[in-house]
Protein backbone atom coordinates (compact mmCIF):
# COMPACT_ATOMS: atom_id res chain seq x y z
CA LEU A 1 37.64 14.45 5.60
CA SER A 2 38.50 18.05 4.92
CA VAL A 3 41.95 19.47 5.55
CA GLU A 4 40.66 21.14 8.73
CA GLU A 5 39.10 17.89 9.99
CA ASN A 6 42.36 16.03 9.31
CA LYS A 7 44.32 18.73 11.12
CA LYS A 8 41.99 18.50 14.14
CA SER A 9 42.33 14.69 14.19
CA TRP A 10 46.13 14.94 14.11
CA GLU A 11 46.11 17.49 16.92
CA GLN A 12 43.94 15.19 19.03
CA LEU A 13 46.22 12.23 18.31
CA PHE A 14 49.32 14.20 19.31
CA TYR A 15 47.57 15.44 22.45
CA ALA A 16 46.45 11.94 23.44
CA ASP A 17 49.93 10.57 22.75
CA ARG A 18 51.64 13.25 24.85
CA ILE A 19 49.25 12.99 27.81
CA ALA A 20 49.20 9.18 27.77
CA GLY A 21 53.01 9.16 27.79
CA GLN A 22 53.13 11.62 30.68
CA ASN A 23 50.58 9.61 32.68
CA ALA A 24 52.44 6.36 32.04
CA TYR A 25 55.70 8.01 33.11
CA LYS A 26 54.14 9.28 36.35
CA LYS A 27 52.60 5.94 37.26
CA GLY A 28 55.40 3.82 35.84
CA ILE A 29 55.32 0.73 33.69
CA PHE A 30 56.94 -2.31 35.23
CA THR A 31 57.32 -5.52 33.29
CA ALA A 32 59.81 -8.35 33.12
CA ARG A 33 59.80 -8.26 29.31
CA PRO A 34 60.29 -4.93 27.51
CA ASN A 35 58.06 -5.96 24.60
CA GLU A 36 55.10 -6.14 27.03
CA ALA A 37 55.29 -2.38 27.73
CA GLY A 38 52.87 -1.77 24.85
CA ASN A 39 50.25 -3.87 26.58
CA HIS A 40 50.58 -1.73 29.70
CA ILE A 41 50.52 1.65 27.96
CA GLU A 42 47.39 0.71 26.02
CA ALA A 43 45.17 1.58 29.00
CA PHE A 44 46.69 5.07 29.22
CA VAL A 45 46.12 5.68 25.50
CA ILE A 46 42.52 4.45 25.64
CA GLU A 47 41.74 6.60 28.69
CA VAL A 48 43.09 9.83 27.19
CA SER A 49 41.70 9.15 23.70
CA ASN A 50 38.21 8.72 25.09
CA LYS A 51 38.47 12.14 26.74
CA THR A 52 38.78 13.71 23.28
CA SER A 53 36.47 13.16 20.33
CA LEU A 54 38.67 10.15 19.51
CA LYS A 55 37.21 6.86 20.64
CA ALA A 56 39.39 3.92 21.53
CA GLY A 57 38.90 0.47 22.98
CA ARG A 58 40.35 -2.99 23.09
CA PRO A 59 40.14 -5.09 19.92
CA THR A 60 37.49 -7.78 19.63
CA PRO A 61 38.80 -10.96 18.00
CA LYS A 62 36.64 -13.38 15.99
CA ARG A 63 35.67 -15.23 19.17
CA GLY A 64 33.89 -12.05 20.29
CA LYS A 65 35.58 -11.77 23.68
CA LYS A 66 37.45 -8.49 24.17
CA LYS A 67 41.16 -8.81 24.86
CA THR A 68 42.66 -7.38 28.01
CA GLY A 69 45.95 -5.60 28.30
């Protein structure tokens, strides 16, 4: 990638991060175990990322069935 393409990618990542965090804050993340918060915020990150030229989704393990958050 060129310097400009890298810069654009970073800007999109920072945008997606900021908006996902704001959306998660507005809706709230409630979990009994703090380490599960990442599972809950994943949906916010995927949603915002897919609204940019970034594409995100859930990982597919070897069994082929997509994991859920």
